[in-house]
PDB file of N, CA and C in Angstrom:
ATOM      1  N   MET A   1     152.697 -85.994  48.981  1.00  0.00           N
ATOM      2  CA  MET A   1     152.044 -86.565  47.815  1.00  0.00           C
ATOM      3  C   MET A   1     150.529 -86.555  48.019  1.00  0.00           C
ATOM      4  N   ASP A   2     149.819 -86.028  47.065  1.00  0.00           N
ATOM      5  CA  ASP A   2     148.360 -85.978  47.146  1.00  0.00           C
ATOM      6  C   ASP A   2     147.776 -87.356  46.883  1.00  0.00           C
ATOM      7  N   ASN A   3     146.739 -87.701  47.627  1.00  0.00           N
ATOM      8  CA  ASN A   3     146.050 -88.960  47.410  1.00  0.00           C
ATOM      9  C   ASN A   3     144.948 -88.725  46.387  1.00  0.00           C
ATOM     10  N   LYS A   4     145.105 -89.284  45.186  1.00  0.00           N
ATOM     11  CA  LYS A   4     144.151 -89.067  44.099  1.00  0.00           C
ATOM     12  C   LYS A   4     143.082 -90.153  44.033  1.00  0.00           C
ATOM     13  N   ARG A   5     143.072 -91.047  44.988  1.00  0.00           N
ATOM     14  CA  ARG A   5     142.095 -92.137  44.967  1.00  0.00           C
ATOM     15  C   ARG A   5     140.699 -91.614  45.231  1.00  0.00           C
ATOM     16  N   ARG A   6     139.770 -92.115  44.448  1.00  0.00           N
ATOM     17  CA  ARG A   6     138.375 -91.725  44.614  1.00  0.00           C
ATOM     18  C   ARG A   6     137.636 -92.676  45.543  1.00  0.00           C
ATOM     19  N   GLU A   7     138.180 -93.859  45.718  1.00  0.00           N
ATOM     20  CA  GLU A   7     137.508 -94.878  46.522  1.00  0.00           C
ATOM     21  C   GLU A   7     138.447 -95.326  47.638  1.00  0.00           C
ATOM     22  N   SER A   8     137.875 -95.660  48.784  1.00  0.00           N
ATOM     23  CA  SER A   8     138.709 -96.174  49.860  1.00  0.00           C
ATOM     24  C   SER A   8     139.127 -97.601  49.529  1.00  0.00           C
ATOM     25  N   ARG A   9     140.279 -97.963  50.025  1.00  0.00           N
ATOM     26  CA  ARG A   9     140.835 -99.288  49.763  1.00  0.00           C
ATOM     27  C   ARG A   9     140.756-100.144  51.019  1.00  0.00           C
ATOM     28  N   LEU A  10     140.466-101.404  50.818  1.00  0.00           N
ATOM     29  CA  LEU A  10     140.394-102.373  51.897  1.00  0.00           C
ATOM     30  C   LEU A  10     141.661-103.210  51.864  1.00  0.00           C
ATOM     31  N   PRO A  11     142.491-103.149  52.920  1.00  0.00           N
ATOM     32  CA  PRO A  11     143.670-104.010  52.919  1.00  0.00           C
ATOM     33  C   PRO A  11     143.237-105.469  53.093  1.00  0.00           C
ATOM     34  N   ILE A  12     143.536-106.287  52.106  1.00  0.00           N
ATOM     35  CA  ILE A  12     143.117-107.692  52.147  1.00  0.00           C
ATOM     36  C   ILE A  12     144.086-108.522  51.312  1.00  0.00           C
ATOM     37  N   GLN A  13     144.400-109.693  51.805  1.00  0.00           N
ATOM     38  CA  GLN A  13     145.297-110.586  51.076  1.00  0.00           C
ATOM     39  C   GLN A  13     144.521-111.805  50.593  1.00  0.00           C
ATOM     40  N   LEU A  14     144.405-111.890  49.269  1.00  0.00           N
ATOM     41  CA  LEU A  14     143.738-113.011  48.615  1.00  0.00           C
ATOM     42  C   LEU A  14     144.661-113.547  47.534  1.00  0.00           C
ATOM     43  N   ASP A  15     144.681-114.841  47.358  1.00  0.00           N
ATOM     44  CA  ASP A  15     145.440-115.439  46.260  1.00  0.00           C
ATOM     45  C   ASP A  15     144.616-115.305  44.989  1.00  0.00           C
ATOM     46  N   VAL A  16     145.251-114.780  43.939  1.00  0.00           N
ATOM     47  CA  VAL A  16     144.564-114.605  42.667  1.00  0.00           C
ATOM     48  C   VAL A  16     145.395-115.182  41.533  1.00  0.00           C
ATOM     49  N   GLU A  17     144.698-115.501  40.477  1.00  0.00           N
ATOM     50  CA  GLU A  17     145.308-115.947  39.229  1.00  0.00           C
ATOM     51  C   GLU A  17     145.183-114.788  38.251  1.00  0.00           C
ATOM     52  N   LEU A  18     146.291-114.402  37.627  1.00  0.00           N
ATOM     53  CA  LEU A  18     146.295-113.328  36.640  1.00  0.00           C
ATOM     54  C   LEU A  18     146.587-113.926  35.285  1.00  0.00           C
ATOM     55  N   VAL A  19     145.744-113.635  34.299  1.00  0.00           N
ATOM     56  CA  VAL A  19     145.925-114.122  32.934  1.00  0.00           C
ATOM     57  C   VAL A  19     146.118-112.904  32.037  1.00  0.00           C
ATOM     58  N   ALA A  20     147.301-112.806  31.417  1.00  0.00           N
ATOM     59  CA  ALA A  20     147.587-111.694  30.512  1.00  0.00           C
ATOM     60  C   ALA A  20     147.156-112.069  29.099  1.00  0.00           C
ATOM     61  N   ASP A  21     147.222-111.100  28.185  1.00  0.00           N
ATOM     62  CA  ASP A  21     146.808-111.319  26.795  1.00  0.00           C
ATOM     63  C   ASP A  21     147.526-112.489  26.141  1.00  0.00           C
ATOM     64  N   ASP A  22     148.752-112.729  26.562  1.00  0.00           N
ATOM     65  CA  ASP A  22     149.518-113.823  25.966  1.00  0.00           C
ATOM     66  C   ASP A  22     149.151-115.171  26.583  1.00  0.00           C
ATOM     67  N   LYS A  23     148.118-115.185  27.391  1.00  0.00           N
ATOM     68  CA  LYS A  23     147.570-116.390  28.035  1.00  0.00           C
ATOM     69  C   LYS A  23     148.500-116.990  29.087  1.00  0.00           C
ATOM     70  N   LYS A  24     149.535-116.239  29.487  1.00  0.00           N
ATOM     71  CA  LYS A  24     150.395-116.708  30.574  1.00  0.00           C
ATOM     72  C   LYS A  24     149.692-116.452  31.893  1.00  0.00           C
ATOM     73  N   GLU A  25     149.680-117.465  32.743  1.00  0.00           N
ATOM     74  CA  GLU A  25     149.036-117.345  34.044  1.00  0.00           C
ATOM     75  C   GLU A  25     150.079-117.118  35.118  1.00  0.00           C
ATOM     76  N   SER A  26     149.764-116.259  36.064  1.00  0.00           N
ATOM     77  CA  SER A  26     150.632-115.990  37.195  1.00  0.00           C
ATOM     78  C   SER A  26     149.816-116.077  38.465  1.00  0.00           C
ATOM     79  N   SER A  27     150.431-116.557  39.528  1.00  0.00           N
ATOM     80  CA  SER A  27     149.793-116.567  40.833  1.00  0.00           C
ATOM     81  C   SER A  27     150.342-115.400  41.637  1.00  0.00           C
ATOM     82  N   LEU A  28     149.448-114.522  42.064  1.00  0.00           N
ATOM     83  CA  LEU A  28     149.833-113.334  42.817  1.00  0.00           C
ATOM     84  C   LEU A  28     148.936-113.208  44.033  1.00  0.00           C
ATOM     85  N   GLN A  29     149.226-112.208  44.870  1.00  0.00           N
ATOM     86  CA  GLN A  29     148.404-111.964  46.045  1.00  0.00           C
ATOM     87  C   GLN A  29     147.998-110.494  46.071  1.00  0.00           C
ATOM     88  N   THR A  30     146.749-110.242  46.442  1.00  0.00           N
ATOM     89  CA  THR A  30     146.293-108.859  46.559  1.00  0.00           C
ATOM     90  C   THR A  30     146.919-108.210  47.784  1.00  0.00           C
ATOM     91  N   ARG A  31     147.095-106.901  47.702  1.00  0.00           N
ATOM     92  CA  ARG A  31     147.516-106.108  48.869  1.00  0.00           C
ATOM     93  C   ARG A  31     146.338-105.283  49.361  1.00  0.00           C
ATOM     94  N   ASP A  32     145.582-104.735  48.401  1.00  0.00           N
ATOM     95  CA  ASP A  32     144.374-103.997  48.757  1.00  0.00           C
ATOM     96  C   ASP A  32     143.393-104.035  47.593  1.00  0.00           C
ATOM     97  N   LEU A  33     142.152-103.694  47.912  1.00  0.00           N
ATOM     98  CA  LEU A  33     141.052-103.843  46.966  1.00  0.00           C
ATOM     99  C   LEU A  33     140.069-102.692  47.160  1.00  0.00           C
ATOM    100  N   SER A  34     139.517-102.182  46.055  1.00  0.00           N
ATOM    101  CA  SER A  34     138.449-101.184  46.120  1.00  0.00           C
ATOM    102  C   SER A  34     137.389-101.568  45.109  1.00  0.00           C
ATOM    103  N   ASN A  35     136.336-100.768  45.012  1.00  0.00           N
ATOM    104  CA  ASN A  35     135.286-101.037  44.019  1.00  0.00           C
ATOM    105  C   ASN A  35     135.798-100.860  42.599  1.00  0.00           C
ATOM    106  N   SER A  36     136.852-100.059  42.415  1.00  0.00           N
ATOM    107  CA  SER A  36     137.316 -99.762  41.064  1.00  0.00           C
ATOM    108  C   SER A  36     138.614-100.448  40.677  1.00  0.00           C
ATOM    109  N   GLY A  37     139.295-101.113  41.625  1.00  0.00           N
ATOM    110  CA  GLY A  37     140.553-101.754  41.260  1.00  0.00           C
ATOM    111  C   GLY A  37     141.173-102.543  42.389  1.00  0.00           C
ATOM    112  N   VAL A  38     142.382-103.037  42.093  1.00  0.00           N
ATOM    113  CA  VAL A  38     143.097-103.879  43.043  1.00  0.00           C
ATOM    114  C   VAL A  38     144.594-103.680  42.843  1.00  0.00           C
ATOM    115  N   TYR A  39     145.351-103.839  43.923  1.00  0.00           N
ATOM    116  CA  TYR A  39     146.804-103.820  43.831  1.00  0.00           C
ATOM    117  C   TYR A  39     147.288-105.242  44.095  1.00  0.00           C
ATOM    118  N   LEU A  40     148.135-105.753  43.195  1.00  0.00           N
ATOM    119  CA  LEU A  40     148.680-107.101  43.322  1.00  0.00           C
ATOM    120  C   LEU A  40     150.160-107.020  43.624  1.00  0.00           C
ATOM    121  N   GLU A  41     150.601-107.765  44.631  1.00  0.00           N
ATOM    122  CA  GLU A  41     152.018-107.812  44.976  1.00  0.00           C
ATOM    123  C   GLU A  41     152.776-108.656  43.971  1.00  0.00           C
ATOM    124  N   LYS A  42     153.996-108.260  43.685  1.00  0.00           N
ATOM    125  CA  LYS A  42     154.790-108.852  42.605  1.00  0.00           C
ATOM    126  C   LYS A  42     155.079-110.340  42.786  1.00  0.00           C
ATOM    127  N   GLY A  43     155.553-110.746  43.929  1.00  0.00           N
ATOM    128  CA  GLY A  43     155.963-112.142  44.088  1.00  0.00           C
ATOM    129  C   GLY A  43     157.102-112.456  43.149  1.00  0.00           C
ATOM    130  N   ASP A  44     157.120-113.658  42.584  1.00  0.00           N
ATOM    131  CA  ASP A  44     158.182-114.083  41.670  1.00  0.00           C
ATOM    132  C   ASP A  44     157.776-113.967  40.208  1.00  0.00           C
ATOM    133  N   SER A  45     156.638-113.381  39.935  1.00  0.00           N
ATOM    134  CA  SER A  45     156.103-113.349  38.575  1.00  0.00           C
ATOM    135  C   SER A  45     156.636-112.168  37.769  1.00  0.00           C
ATOM    136  N   ASN A  46     156.723-112.373  36.456  1.00  0.00           N
ATOM    137  CA  ASN A  46     156.970-111.261  35.546  1.00  0.00           C
ATOM    138  C   ASN A  46     155.651-110.533  35.368  1.00  0.00           C
ATOM    139  N   LEU A  47     155.696-109.212  35.458  1.00  0.00           N
ATOM    140  CA  LEU A  47     154.466-108.437  35.409  1.00  0.00           C
ATOM    141  C   LEU A  47     154.222-107.878  34.017  1.00  0.00           C
ATOM    142  N   PRO A  48     152.956-107.847  33.589  1.00  0.00           N
ATOM    143  CA  PRO A  48     152.638-107.237  32.290  1.00  0.00           C
ATOM    144  C   PRO A  48     152.835-105.727  32.369  1.00  0.00           C
ATOM    145  N   PRO A  49     153.157-105.086  31.253  1.00  0.00           N
ATOM    146  CA  PRO A  49     153.394-103.640  31.260  1.00  0.00           C
ATOM    147  C   PRO A  49     152.110-102.830  31.413  1.00  0.00           C
ATOM    148  N   GLU A  50     152.283-101.573  31.787  1.00  0.00           N
ATOM    149  CA  GLU A  50     151.179-100.637  31.908  1.00  0.00           C
ATOM    150  C   GLU A  50     150.391-100.582  30.607  1.00  0.00           C
ATOM    151  N   GLY A  51     149.065-100.558  30.733  1.00  0.00           N
ATOM    152  CA  GLY A  51     148.186-100.506  29.570  1.00  0.00           C
ATOM    153  C   GLY A  51     147.685-101.868  29.114  1.00  0.00           C
ATOM    154  N   THR A  52     148.289-102.945  29.603  1.00  0.00           N
ATOM    155  CA  THR A  52     147.879-104.295  29.224  1.00  0.00           C
ATOM    156  C   THR A  52     146.506-104.628  29.804  1.00  0.00           C
ATOM    157  N   ILE A  53     145.673-105.272  29.016  1.00  0.00           N
ATOM    158  CA  ILE A  53     144.388-105.788  29.497  1.00  0.00           C
ATOM    159  C   ILE A  53     144.636-107.201  30.027  1.00  0.00           C
ATOM    160  N   VAL A  54     144.180-107.457  31.244  1.00  0.00           N
ATOM    161  CA  VAL A  54     144.379-108.752  31.888  1.00  0.00           C
ATOM    162  C   VAL A  54     143.045-109.233  32.451  1.00  0.00           C
ATOM    163  N   HIS A  55     143.038-110.460  32.925  1.00  0.00           N
ATOM    164  CA  HIS A  55     141.901-111.016  33.644  1.00  0.00           C
ATOM    165  C   HIS A  55     142.428-111.591  34.953  1.00  0.00           C
ATOM    166  N   ILE A  56     141.673-111.409  36.030  1.00  0.00           N
ATOM    167  CA  ILE A  56     142.055-111.987  37.311  1.00  0.00           C
ATOM    168  C   ILE A  56     140.887-112.777  37.885  1.00  0.00           C
ATOM    169  N   ARG A  57     141.250-113.746  38.725  1.00  0.00           N
ATOM    170  CA  ARG A  57     140.244-114.588  39.371  1.00  0.00           C
ATOM    171  C   ARG A  57     140.752-114.924  40.772  1.00  0.00           C
ATOM    172  N   ILE A  58     139.882-114.827  41.757  1.00  0.00           N
ATOM    173  CA  ILE A  58     140.235-115.265  43.106  1.00  0.00           C
ATOM    174  C   ILE A  58     140.371-116.769  43.074  1.00  0.00           C
ATOM    175  N   LYS A  59     141.470-117.272  43.608  1.00  0.00           N
ATOM    176  CA  LYS A  59     141.742-118.713  43.530  1.00  0.00           C
ATOM    177  C   LYS A  59     140.850-119.544  44.438  1.00  0.00           C
ATOM    178  N   ASN A  60     140.697-119.130  45.662  1.00  0.00           N
ATOM    179  CA  ASN A  60     139.944-119.931  46.627  1.00  0.00           C
ATOM    180  C   ASN A  60     138.611-119.265  46.903  1.00  0.00           C
ATOM    181  N   SER A  61     137.660-119.441  45.994  1.00  0.00           N
ATOM    182  CA  SER A  61     136.364-118.789  46.190  1.00  0.00           C
ATOM    183  C   SER A  61     135.637-119.431  47.368  1.00  0.00           C
ATOM    184  N   MET A  62     134.777-118.657  47.991  1.00  0.00           N
ATOM    185  CA  MET A  62     134.062-119.145  49.160  1.00  0.00           C
ATOM    186  C   MET A  62     132.704-119.716  48.809  1.00  0.00           C
ATOM    187  N   GLY A  63     132.268-119.493  47.593  1.00  0.00           N
ATOM    188  CA  GLY A  63     130.970-120.005  47.175  1.00  0.00           C
ATOM    189  C   GLY A  63     131.129-121.284  46.375  1.00  0.00           C
ATOM    190  N   GLU A  64     130.059-121.662  45.720  1.00  0.00           N
ATOM    191  CA  GLU A  64     130.092-122.852  44.891  1.00  0.00           C
ATOM    192  C   GLU A  64     130.685-122.526  43.529  1.00  0.00           C
ATOM    193  N   GLY A  65     131.427-123.451  42.962  1.00  0.00           N
ATOM    194  CA  GLY A  65     131.986-123.275  41.633  1.00  0.00           C
ATOM    195  C   GLY A  65     133.201-122.370  41.621  1.00  0.00           C
ATOM    196  N   GLU A  66     133.699-122.157  40.415  1.00  0.00           N
ATOM    197  CA  GLU A  66     134.890-121.349  40.231  1.00  0.00           C
ATOM    198  C   GLU A  66     134.504-119.868  40.167  1.00  0.00           C
ATOM    199  N   ALA A  67     135.344-119.023  40.750  1.00  0.00           N
ATOM    200  CA  ALA A  67     135.096-117.580  40.703  1.00  0.00           C
ATOM    201  C   ALA A  67     135.215-117.094  39.257  1.00  0.00           C
ATOM    202  N   PRO A  68     134.477-116.047  38.895  1.00  0.00           N
ATOM    203  CA  PRO A  68     134.542-115.533  37.520  1.00  0.00           C
ATOM    204  C   PRO A  68     135.848-114.797  37.252  1.00  0.00           C
ATOM    205  N   LEU A  69     136.218-114.732  35.962  1.00  0.00           N
ATOM    206  CA  LEU A  69     137.339-113.900  35.551  1.00  0.00           C
ATOM    207  C   LEU A  69     136.858-112.452  35.501  1.00  0.00           C
ATOM    208  N   VAL A  70     137.674-111.546  36.010  1.00  0.00           N
ATOM    209  CA  VAL A  70     137.357-110.129  36.011  1.00  0.00           C
ATOM    210  C   VAL A  70     138.352-109.411  35.110  1.00  0.00           C
ATOM    211  N   LYS A  71     137.835-108.606  34.193  1.00  0.00           N
ATOM    212  CA  LYS A  71     138.673-107.890  33.239  1.00  0.00           C
ATOM    213  C   LYS A  71     139.210-106.610  33.886  1.00  0.00           C
ATOM    214  N   ALA A  72     140.506-106.325  33.643  1.00  0.00           N
ATOM    215  CA  ALA A  72     141.124-105.137  34.225  1.00  0.00           C
ATOM    216  C   ALA A  72     142.247-104.633  33.324  1.00  0.00           C
ATOM    217  N   ARG A  73     142.623-103.375  33.549  1.00  0.00           N
ATOM    218  CA  ARG A  73     143.743-102.760  32.815  1.00  0.00           C
ATOM    219  C   ARG A  73     144.850-102.450  33.814  1.00  0.00           C
ATOM    220  N   VAL A  74     146.092-102.739  33.432  1.00  0.00           N
ATOM    221  CA  VAL A  74     147.237-102.391  34.263  1.00  0.00           C
ATOM    222  C   VAL A  74     147.426-100.876  34.168  1.00  0.00           C
ATOM    223  N   VAL A  75     147.296-100.186  35.302  1.00  0.00           N
ATOM    224  CA  VAL A  75     147.430 -98.730  35.302  1.00  0.00           C
ATOM    225  C   VAL A  75     148.750 -98.259  35.901  1.00  0.00           C
ATOM    226  N   ARG A  76     149.432 -99.129  36.637  1.00  0.00           N
ATOM    227  CA  ARG A  76     150.728 -98.773  37.209  1.00  0.00           C
ATOM    228  C   ARG A  76     151.506-100.031  37.543  1.00  0.00           C
ATOM    229  N   VAL A  77     152.801-100.000  37.250  1.00  0.00           N
ATOM    230  CA  VAL A  77     153.718-101.074  37.644  1.00  0.00           C
ATOM    231  C   VAL A  77     154.837-100.415  38.427  1.00  0.00           C
ATOM    232  N   ASP A  78     155.154-100.957  39.601  1.00  0.00           N
ATOM    233  CA  ASP A  78     156.261-100.433  40.390  1.00  0.00           C
ATOM    234  C   ASP A  78     157.085-101.584  40.946  1.00  0.00           C
ATOM    235  N   ASN A  79     158.021-101.287  41.816  1.00  0.00           N
ATOM    236  CA  ASN A  79     158.921-102.323  42.341  1.00  0.00           C
ATOM    237  C   ASN A  79     158.198-103.376  43.170  1.00  0.00           C
ATOM    238  N   ASP A  80     157.051-103.021  43.753  1.00  0.00           N
ATOM    239  CA  ASP A  80     156.334-103.944  44.626  1.00  0.00           C
ATOM    240  C   ASP A  80     155.266-104.773  43.924  1.00  0.00           C
ATOM    241  N   GLY A  81     154.786-104.302  42.774  1.00  0.00           N
ATOM    242  CA  GLY A  81     153.708-105.022  42.097  1.00  0.00           C
ATOM    243  C   GLY A  81     153.036-104.170  41.047  1.00  0.00           C
ATOM    244  N   LEU A  82     151.705-104.368  40.903  1.00  0.00           N
ATOM    245  CA  LEU A  82     150.979-103.624  39.890  1.00  0.00           C
ATOM    246  C   LEU A  82     149.585-103.257  40.357  1.00  0.00           C
ATOM    247  N   ALA A  83     149.113-102.111  39.864  1.00  0.00           N
ATOM    248  CA  ALA A  83     147.771-101.635  40.160  1.00  0.00           C
ATOM    249  C   ALA A  83     146.896-101.887  38.938  1.00  0.00           C
ATOM    250  N   LEU A  84     145.716-102.430  39.193  1.00  0.00           N
ATOM    251  CA  LEU A  84     144.767-102.724  38.121  1.00  0.00           C
ATOM    252  C   LEU A  84     143.486-101.923  38.332  1.00  0.00           C
ATOM    253  N   ALA A  85     142.921-101.427  37.244  1.00  0.00           N
ATOM    254  CA  ALA A  85     141.596-100.797  37.267  1.00  0.00           C
ATOM    255  C   ALA A  85     140.624-101.754  36.597  1.00  0.00           C
ATOM    256  N   PHE A  86     139.535-102.061  37.296  1.00  0.00           N
ATOM    257  CA  PHE A  86     138.539-102.965  36.728  1.00  0.00           C
ATOM    258  C   PHE A  86     137.880-102.330  35.518  1.00  0.00           C
ATOM    259  N   ILE A  87     137.557-103.161  34.530  1.00  0.00           N
ATOM    260  CA  ILE A  87     136.882-102.704  33.313  1.00  0.00           C
ATOM    261  C   ILE A  87     135.480-103.308  33.328  1.00  0.00           C
ATOM    262  N   THR A  88     134.484-102.434  33.213  1.00  0.00           N
ATOM    263  CA  THR A  88     133.110-102.921  33.118  1.00  0.00           C
ATOM    264  C   THR A  88     132.627-102.675  31.700  1.00  0.00           C
ATOM    265  N   ASP A  89     131.767-103.518  31.227  1.00  0.00           N
ATOM    266  CA  ASP A  89     131.254-103.422  29.868  1.00  0.00           C
ATOM    267  C   ASP A  89     129.914-102.705  29.828  1.00  0.00           C
ATOM    268  N   ASP A  90     129.781-101.671  30.661  1.00  0.00           N
ATOM    269  CA  ASP A  90     128.523-100.905  30.711  1.00  0.00           C
ATOM    270  C   ASP A  90     128.374-100.033  29.503  1.00  0.00           C
TER     271      ASP A  90
END
């Protein structure tokens, strides 16, 4: 299988909150992270389908205040979880 990734991924486990369009919140954990996206492990949550716009936030931020919500699109759903591509408003 060819690796089509343009960016290297950092294996890291962070607790995140995922908010789908229907405003349902899920607690998930990252498996890896890059500048352009993140992979979230499934856990016990129902996952939004491919193409859904979602927002994610790191639960335990290391700085002051609450971490910002980051907009992303679900680009792949598989048995282990889902891959998200970050959306920038540039």
